[in-house]
PDB file of N, CA and C in Angstrom:
ATOM      1  N   MET A   1     104.192  82.466 130.221  1.00  0.00           N
ATOM      2  CA  MET A   1     103.706  83.799 130.524  1.00  0.00           C
ATOM      3  C   MET A   1     102.245  83.884 130.107  1.00  0.00           C
ATOM      4  N   ILE A   2     101.438  84.479 130.991  1.00  0.00           N
ATOM      5  CA  ILE A   2     100.031  84.723 130.685  1.00  0.00           C
ATOM      6  C   ILE A   2      99.875  86.212 130.377  1.00  0.00           C
ATOM      7  N   HIS A   3      99.246  86.506 129.255  1.00  0.00           N
ATOM      8  CA  HIS A   3      99.003  87.888 128.843  1.00  0.00           C
ATOM      9  C   HIS A   3      97.563  88.251 129.174  1.00  0.00           C
ATOM     10  N   ILE A   4      97.393  89.400 129.832  1.00  0.00           N
ATOM     11  CA  ILE A   4      96.077  89.870 130.248  1.00  0.00           C
ATOM     12  C   ILE A   4      95.738  91.102 129.419  1.00  0.00           C
ATOM     13  N   VAL A   5      94.688  90.992 128.600  1.00  0.00           N
ATOM     14  CA  VAL A   5      94.268  92.096 127.740  1.00  0.00           C
ATOM     15  C   VAL A   5      92.931  92.607 128.252  1.00  0.00           C
ATOM     16  N   ASP A   6      92.965  93.792 128.866  1.00  0.00           N
ATOM     17  CA  ASP A   6      91.752  94.376 129.447  1.00  0.00           C
ATOM     18  C   ASP A   6      91.928  95.885 129.498  1.00  0.00           C
ATOM     19  N   ASP A   7      90.881  96.625 129.147  1.00  0.00           N
ATOM     20  CA  ASP A   7      90.980  98.085 129.162  1.00  0.00           C
ATOM     21  C   ASP A   7      90.834  98.678 130.561  1.00  0.00           C
ATOM     22  N   ASP A   8      90.478  97.862 131.527  1.00  0.00           N
ATOM     23  CA  ASP A   8      90.341  98.317 132.909  1.00  0.00           C
ATOM     24  C   ASP A   8      91.622  97.970 133.678  1.00  0.00           C
ATOM     25  N   GLU A   9      92.379  98.999 134.042  1.00  0.00           N
ATOM     26  CA  GLU A   9      93.658  98.783 134.715  1.00  0.00           C
ATOM     27  C   GLU A   9      93.499  98.021 136.032  1.00  0.00           C
ATOM     28  N   ALA A  10      92.421  98.306 136.766  1.00  0.00           N
ATOM     29  CA  ALA A  10      92.199  97.636 138.045  1.00  0.00           C
ATOM     30  C   ALA A  10      92.002  96.126 137.847  1.00  0.00           C
ATOM     31  N   VAL A  11      91.314  95.750 136.796  1.00  0.00           N
ATOM     32  CA  VAL A  11      91.102  94.328 136.504  1.00  0.00           C
ATOM     33  C   VAL A  11      92.422  93.676 136.119  1.00  0.00           C
ATOM     34  N   ARG A  12      93.203  94.342 135.248  1.00  0.00           N
ATOM     35  CA  ARG A  12      94.518  93.805 134.872  1.00  0.00           C
ATOM     36  C   ARG A  12      95.387  93.600 136.096  1.00  0.00           C
ATOM     37  N   ASP A  13      95.428  94.611 136.975  1.00  0.00           N
ATOM     38  CA  ASP A  13      96.259  94.526 138.174  1.00  0.00           C
ATOM     39  C   ASP A  13      95.792  93.414 139.110  1.00  0.00           C
ATOM     40  N   ALA A  14      94.474  93.278 139.278  1.00  0.00           N
ATOM     41  CA  ALA A  14      93.932  92.254 140.172  1.00  0.00           C
ATOM     42  C   ALA A  14      94.251  90.848 139.651  1.00  0.00           C
ATOM     43  N   LEU A  15      94.073  90.646 138.358  1.00  0.00           N
ATOM     44  CA  LEU A  15      94.396  89.335 137.784  1.00  0.00           C
ATOM     45  C   LEU A  15      95.891  89.044 137.875  1.00  0.00           C
ATOM     46  N   ALA A  16      96.716  90.059 137.606  1.00  0.00           N
ATOM     47  CA  ALA A  16      98.168  89.878 137.700  1.00  0.00           C
ATOM     48  C   ALA A  16      98.572  89.536 139.135  1.00  0.00           C
ATOM     49  N   PHE A  17      97.974  90.208 140.108  1.00  0.00           N
ATOM     50  CA  PHE A  17      98.272  89.933 141.514  1.00  0.00           C
ATOM     51  C   PHE A  17      97.866  88.509 141.890  1.00  0.00           C
ATOM     52  N   LEU A  18      96.678  88.113 141.463  1.00  0.00           N
ATOM     53  CA  LEU A  18      96.195  86.764 141.760  1.00  0.00           C
ATOM     54  C   LEU A  18      97.120  85.704 141.163  1.00  0.00           C
ATOM     55  N   LEU A  19      97.483  85.873 139.914  1.00  0.00           N
ATOM     56  CA  LEU A  19      98.344  84.894 139.261  1.00  0.00           C
ATOM     57  C   LEU A  19      99.753  84.912 139.847  1.00  0.00           C
ATOM     58  N   ALA A  20     100.262  86.096 140.182  1.00  0.00           N
ATOM     59  CA  ALA A  20     101.595  86.195 140.794  1.00  0.00           C
ATOM     60  C   ALA A  20     101.628  85.484 142.143  1.00  0.00           C
ATOM     61  N   SER A  21     100.505  85.504 142.869  1.00  0.00           N
ATOM     62  CA  SER A  21     100.457  84.824 144.166  1.00  0.00           C
ATOM     63  C   SER A  21     100.623  83.318 144.016  1.00  0.00           C
ATOM     64  N   ARG A  22     100.420  82.810 142.792  1.00  0.00           N
ATOM     65  CA  ARG A  22     100.611  81.387 142.506  1.00  0.00           C
ATOM     66  C   ARG A  22     101.903  81.153 141.724  1.00  0.00           C
ATOM     67  N   GLY A  23     102.737  82.211 141.605  1.00  0.00           N
ATOM     68  CA  GLY A  23     104.022  82.074 140.935  1.00  0.00           C
ATOM     69  C   GLY A  23     103.949  82.090 139.412  1.00  0.00           C
ATOM     70  N   ILE A  24     102.890  82.660 138.883  1.00  0.00           N
ATOM     71  CA  ILE A  24     102.698  82.690 137.431  1.00  0.00           C
ATOM     72  C   ILE A  24     103.039  84.078 136.891  1.00  0.00           C
ATOM     73  N   ALA A  25     103.918  84.130 135.900  1.00  0.00           N
ATOM     74  CA  ALA A  25     104.324  85.401 135.290  1.00  0.00           C
ATOM     75  C   ALA A  25     103.221  85.923 134.373  1.00  0.00           C
ATOM     76  N   THR A  26     102.997  87.246 134.415  1.00  0.00           N
ATOM     77  CA  THR A  26     101.978  87.871 133.578  1.00  0.00           C
ATOM     78  C   THR A  26     102.520  89.139 132.924  1.00  0.00           C
ATOM     79  N   GLN A  27     101.820  89.556 131.887  1.00  0.00           N
ATOM     80  CA  GLN A  27     102.072  90.839 131.231  1.00  0.00           C
ATOM     81  C   GLN A  27     100.711  91.427 130.923  1.00  0.00           C
ATOM     82  N   GLY A  28     100.490  92.681 131.291  1.00  0.00           N
ATOM     83  CA  GLY A  28      99.209  93.330 131.047  1.00  0.00           C
ATOM     84  C   GLY A  28      99.242  94.213 129.818  1.00  0.00           C
ATOM     85  N   TRP A  29      98.106  94.287 129.132  1.00  0.00           N
ATOM     86  CA  TRP A  29      97.951  95.086 127.922  1.00  0.00           C
ATOM     87  C   TRP A  29      96.632  95.844 128.015  1.00  0.00           C
ATOM     88  N   PRO A  30      96.636  97.163 127.727  1.00  0.00           N
ATOM     89  CA  PRO A  30      95.411  97.954 127.851  1.00  0.00           C
ATOM     90  C   PRO A  30      94.426  97.802 126.695  1.00  0.00           C
ATOM     91  N   SER A  31      94.864  97.184 125.584  1.00  0.00           N
ATOM     92  CA  SER A  31      93.963  97.013 124.439  1.00  0.00           C
ATOM     93  C   SER A  31      94.448  95.872 123.564  1.00  0.00           C
ATOM     94  N   ARG A  32      93.543  95.401 122.739  1.00  0.00           N
ATOM     95  CA  ARG A  32      93.907  94.349 121.805  1.00  0.00           C
ATOM     96  C   ARG A  32      94.950  94.854 120.805  1.00  0.00           C
ATOM     97  N   GLU A  33      94.821  96.130 120.436  1.00  0.00           N
ATOM     98  CA  GLU A  33      95.761  96.703 119.476  1.00  0.00           C
ATOM     99  C   GLU A  33      97.197  96.687 119.998  1.00  0.00           C
ATOM    100  N   THR A  34      97.388  97.094 121.264  1.00  0.00           N
ATOM    101  CA  THR A  34      98.753  97.116 121.810  1.00  0.00           C
ATOM    102  C   THR A  34      99.318  95.702 121.937  1.00  0.00           C
ATOM    103  N   PHE A  35      98.466  94.752 122.284  1.00  0.00           N
ATOM    104  CA  PHE A  35      98.914  93.364 122.363  1.00  0.00           C
ATOM    105  C   PHE A  35      99.328  92.858 120.985  1.00  0.00           C
ATOM    106  N   LEU A  36      98.500  93.107 119.970  1.00  0.00           N
ATOM    107  CA  LEU A  36      98.799  92.623 118.627  1.00  0.00           C
ATOM    108  C   LEU A  36     100.018  93.314 118.024  1.00  0.00           C
ATOM    109  N   GLU A  37     100.227  94.598 118.343  1.00  0.00           N
ATOM    110  CA  GLU A  37     101.412  95.309 117.847  1.00  0.00           C
ATOM    111  C   GLU A  37     102.692  94.685 118.400  1.00  0.00           C
ATOM    112  N   ALA A  38     102.665  94.284 119.650  1.00  0.00           N
ATOM    113  CA  ALA A  38     103.847  93.695 120.283  1.00  0.00           C
ATOM    114  C   ALA A  38     104.046  92.240 119.841  1.00  0.00           C
ATOM    115  N   MET A  39     102.950  91.532 119.581  1.00  0.00           N
ATOM    116  CA  MET A  39     102.971  90.125 119.173  1.00  0.00           C
ATOM    117  C   MET A  39     103.970  89.291 119.971  1.00  0.00           C
ATOM    118  N   PRO A  40     103.757  89.156 121.266  1.00  0.00           N
ATOM    119  CA  PRO A  40     104.689  88.401 122.121  1.00  0.00           C
ATOM    120  C   PRO A  40     104.478  86.891 122.030  1.00  0.00           C
ATOM    121  N   VAL A  41     104.503  86.346 120.841  1.00  0.00           N
ATOM    122  CA  VAL A  41     104.181  84.925 120.664  1.00  0.00           C
ATOM    123  C   VAL A  41     105.229  83.980 121.230  1.00  0.00           C
ATOM    124  N   GLU A  42     106.487  84.397 121.289  1.00  0.00           N
ATOM    125  CA  GLU A  42     107.523  83.481 121.750  1.00  0.00           C
ATOM    126  C   GLU A  42     107.422  83.159 123.240  1.00  0.00           C
ATOM    127  N   ASP A  43     106.787  84.025 124.020  1.00  0.00           N
ATOM    128  CA  ASP A  43     106.655  83.748 125.452  1.00  0.00           C
ATOM    129  C   ASP A  43     105.191  83.709 125.882  1.00  0.00           C
ATOM    130  N   CYS A  44     104.331  83.328 124.975  1.00  0.00           N
ATOM    131  CA  CYS A  44     102.901  83.355 125.251  1.00  0.00           C
ATOM    132  C   CYS A  44     102.370  81.945 125.488  1.00  0.00           C
ATOM    133  N   ALA A  45     101.947  81.691 126.719  1.00  0.00           N
ATOM    134  CA  ALA A  45     101.352  80.401 127.045  1.00  0.00           C
ATOM    135  C   ALA A  45      99.828  80.492 127.055  1.00  0.00           C
ATOM    136  N   CYS A  46      99.322  81.692 127.383  1.00  0.00           N
ATOM    137  CA  CYS A  46      97.882  81.868 127.527  1.00  0.00           C
ATOM    138  C   CYS A  46      97.553  83.356 127.405  1.00  0.00           C
ATOM    139  N   VAL A  47      96.365  83.653 126.894  1.00  0.00           N
ATOM    140  CA  VAL A  47      95.890  85.034 126.795  1.00  0.00           C
ATOM    141  C   VAL A  47      94.524  85.101 127.453  1.00  0.00           C
ATOM    142  N   ILE A  48      94.364  86.038 128.395  1.00  0.00           N
ATOM    143  CA  ILE A  48      93.071  86.300 129.012  1.00  0.00           C
ATOM    144  C   ILE A  48      92.545  87.577 128.382  1.00  0.00           C
ATOM    145  N   LEU A  49      91.390  87.488 127.693  1.00  0.00           N
ATOM    146  CA  LEU A  49      90.839  88.622 126.966  1.00  0.00           C
ATOM    147  C   LEU A  49      89.555  89.135 127.592  1.00  0.00           C
ATOM    148  N   ASP A  50      89.440  90.437 127.669  1.00  0.00           N
ATOM    149  CA  ASP A  50      88.191  91.087 128.055  1.00  0.00           C
ATOM    150  C   ASP A  50      87.266  91.009 126.847  1.00  0.00           C
ATOM    151  N   VAL A  51      86.074  90.476 127.010  1.00  0.00           N
ATOM    152  CA  VAL A  51      85.161  90.334 125.869  1.00  0.00           C
ATOM    153  C   VAL A  51      84.281  91.558 125.653  1.00  0.00           C
ATOM    154  N   ARG A  52      84.404  92.576 126.504  1.00  0.00           N
ATOM    155  CA  ARG A  52      83.563  93.758 126.368  1.00  0.00           C
ATOM    156  C   ARG A  52      84.405  95.031 126.416  1.00  0.00           C
ATOM    157  N   MET A  53      85.374  95.147 125.520  1.00  0.00           N
ATOM    158  CA  MET A  53      86.187  96.355 125.433  1.00  0.00           C
ATOM    159  C   MET A  53      85.628  97.267 124.353  1.00  0.00           C
ATOM    160  N   ALA A  54      85.940  98.557 124.484  1.00  0.00           N
ATOM    161  CA  ALA A  54      85.557  99.511 123.443  1.00  0.00           C
ATOM    162  C   ALA A  54      86.350  99.204 122.176  1.00  0.00           C
ATOM    163  N   CYS A  55      85.860  99.621 121.058  1.00  0.00           N
ATOM    164  CA  CYS A  55      86.490  99.393 119.746  1.00  0.00           C
ATOM    165  C   CYS A  55      86.555  97.908 119.438  1.00  0.00           C
ATOM    166  N   LEU A  56      87.703  97.309 119.616  1.00  0.00           N
ATOM    167  CA  LEU A  56      87.880  95.889 119.295  1.00  0.00           C
ATOM    168  C   LEU A  56      87.798  95.065 120.567  1.00  0.00           C
ATOM    169  N   SER A  57      86.779  94.227 120.667  1.00  0.00           N
ATOM    170  CA  SER A  57      86.637  93.406 121.873  1.00  0.00           C
ATOM    171  C   SER A  57      87.485  92.148 121.749  1.00  0.00           C
ATOM    172  N   GLY A  58      87.568  91.395 122.818  1.00  0.00           N
ATOM    173  CA  GLY A  58      88.351  90.177 122.844  1.00  0.00           C
ATOM    174  C   GLY A  58      88.047  89.191 121.720  1.00  0.00           C
ATOM    175  N   PRO A  59      86.760  88.832 121.541  1.00  0.00           N
ATOM    176  CA  PRO A  59      86.456  87.853 120.461  1.00  0.00           C
ATOM    177  C   PRO A  59      86.824  88.383 119.108  1.00  0.00           C
TER     178      PRO A  59
END
């Protein structure tokens, strides 16, 4: 599963659509905080982070 962390819903949806077209499962997260609260480590193969989010950015 690839996790997409981006505060822009349109970007999350576009990346999820692109990856789904190749048969790749994704989960979208609107912020780093929500991703970290859920801590989906057991099904996490990759994380795509927005590096320019408000508050806490990807890096």
